[in-house]
Protein backbone atom coordinates (compact mmCIF):
# COMPACT_ATOMS: atom_id res chain seq x y z
CA MET A 1 -2.60 19.30 22.22
CA THR A 2 -3.58 21.02 18.99
CA THR A 3 -3.08 17.94 16.82
CA ARG A 4 -6.81 17.25 16.78
CA CYS A 5 -7.67 20.56 15.07
CA TRP A 6 -4.75 21.80 13.00
CA PRO A 7 -4.82 19.06 10.33
CA ARG A 8 -8.45 19.95 9.69
CA ARG A 9 -7.59 23.64 9.32
CA ALA A 10 -4.60 22.87 7.11
CA ARG A 11 -6.73 20.61 4.92
CA ALA A 12 -9.39 23.33 4.59
CA LEU A 13 -6.75 25.88 3.58
CA LEU A 14 -4.60 23.68 1.35
CA GLY A 15 -7.13 21.35 -0.22
CA ALA A 16 -7.53 17.64 -0.73
CA GLU A 17 -4.26 17.15 -2.63
CA ALA A 18 -1.98 18.63 0.04
CA ILE A 19 0.27 16.30 2.01
CA ILE A 20 -0.31 17.10 5.67
CA GLY A 21 1.58 15.40 8.46
CA ALA A 22 1.08 15.40 12.19
CA SER A 23 3.54 14.72 14.99
CA CYS A 24 1.89 12.32 17.39
CA TYR A 25 4.81 11.69 19.73
CA ASP A 26 4.23 8.47 21.66
CA GLN A 27 0.42 8.53 21.70
CA LEU A 28 -1.86 6.39 19.54
CA ALA A 29 -4.78 8.65 20.47
CA ASN A 30 -2.95 11.62 18.92
CA ALA A 31 -2.46 9.66 15.70
CA GLU A 32 -6.12 8.63 15.60
CA LYS A 33 -7.26 12.23 16.09
CA ALA A 34 -4.82 13.55 13.49
CA VAL A 35 -6.00 11.08 10.84
CA ALA A 36 -9.65 11.80 11.66
CA ALA A 37 -8.85 15.50 11.22
CA GLY A 38 -7.33 14.95 7.77
CA ALA A 39 -3.64 14.15 8.26
CA SER A 40 -2.03 12.39 5.30
CA TYR A 41 0.61 10.76 7.49
CA VAL A 42 1.58 10.56 11.14
CA ALA A 43 5.02 10.91 12.67
CA VAL A 44 5.69 8.99 15.87
CA GLY A 45 8.68 9.07 18.19
CA ALA A 46 11.14 9.73 19.57
CA PHE A 47 12.20 6.12 19.62
CA PHE A 48 15.71 6.82 20.91
CA PRO A 49 17.47 9.77 22.53
CA THR A 50 17.99 12.60 20.08
CA THR A 51 19.80 15.90 20.07
CA THR A 52 17.46 17.62 17.64
CA LYS A 53 14.38 17.72 19.84
CA ILE A 54 13.94 17.73 23.59
CA THR A 55 11.48 15.06 24.68
CA SER A 56 11.15 13.13 27.87
CA SER A 57 9.01 10.33 26.49
CA ARG A 58 9.95 7.46 24.22
CA ALA A 59 7.73 5.77 21.68
CA HIS A 60 7.65 1.99 21.66
CA PRO A 61 7.72 0.01 18.38
CA ASP A 62 4.29 -1.38 19.30
CA LEU A 63 2.90 2.05 18.50
CA LEU A 64 3.80 1.45 14.85
CA ARG A 65 2.01 -1.89 14.89
CA GLN A 66 -1.04 -0.42 16.62
CA SER A 67 -1.28 2.48 14.19
CA ALA A 68 -1.25 0.28 11.06
CA ALA A 69 -5.05 0.29 10.97
CA LEU A 70 -5.10 4.06 10.51
CA GLY A 71 -4.43 3.59 6.81
CA VAL A 72 -1.84 6.35 6.45
CA PRO A 73 1.95 6.18 6.22
CA ARG A 74 3.77 6.14 9.55
CA VAL A 75 7.02 8.05 9.91
CA ALA A 76 9.39 7.06 12.71
CA ILE A 77 11.53 9.79 14.24
CA GLY A 78 14.01 10.27 17.01
CA GLY A 79 17.58 9.05 17.31
CA LEU A 80 17.40 6.65 14.40
CA THR A 81 20.65 5.28 12.99
CA PRO A 82 21.57 2.45 10.63
CA ASP A 83 22.35 0.38 13.72
CA ASN A 84 18.97 0.74 15.45
CA VAL A 85 16.42 1.43 12.71
CA GLY A 86 15.87 -2.21 11.62
CA PRO A 87 13.44 -3.16 14.39
CA ILE A 88 11.58 0.11 13.92
CA ILE A 89 11.06 -0.62 10.24
CA ASP A 90 10.12 -4.21 11.07
CA ALA A 91 7.49 -2.86 13.47
CA GLY A 92 5.85 -0.96 10.61
CA ALA A 93 7.58 2.34 9.91
CA ASP A 94 6.89 3.26 6.31
CA LEU A 95 9.41 6.09 6.41
CA VAL A 96 12.06 7.38 8.78
CA ALA A 97 13.07 10.95 9.52
CA VAL A 98 16.72 11.38 10.39
CA VAL A 99 18.97 14.37 10.94
CA SER A 100 21.95 13.74 13.19
CA SER A 101 22.80 10.24 12.02
CA VAL A 102 23.32 11.58 8.49
CA PHE A 103 24.61 15.10 9.04
CA ALA A 104 26.96 14.19 11.89
CA ALA A 105 28.31 11.13 10.09
CA GLU A 106 31.86 10.96 8.86
CA ASP A 107 30.43 9.76 5.54
CA PRO A 108 26.84 11.07 5.18
CA VAL A 109 26.31 9.35 1.84
CA ALA A 110 27.33 5.94 3.21
CA THR A 111 25.07 6.50 6.21
CA GLN A 112 22.16 7.38 3.95
CA HIS A 113 22.75 4.22 1.91
CA ALA A 114 22.94 2.15 5.11
CA LEU A 115 19.60 3.56 6.25
CA LEU A 116 17.99 2.89 2.87
CA ALA A 117 19.34 -0.68 2.89
CA GLN A 118 17.30 -1.37 6.01
CA PHE A 119 14.12 -1.06 3.91
CA ALA A 120 15.24 -3.79 1.49
């Protein structure tokens, strides 16, 4: 996996102020390497089945708890909806990345508000 080198290259090209993220899938080791290489945040998932990305593995909420010591924001991705995101946020997600649950919703604005309410 290239995660261990590309954040370092991006940081060298973009500078200290750039916000650089790294997809770490379901592997704590990937997140550790990405942060050591200069990532500003890590994205972990998929937590649930998703139609936007093909993946055969699933991240477990414990990964969010385990990655807290990395000292960077953790973004949860993958099949998140207002109905299932609560435990993911409770496990330590600082942010969530969603596509289908908002854009496929009958009322995207209400869905967005429902997702935001989970952080309250």
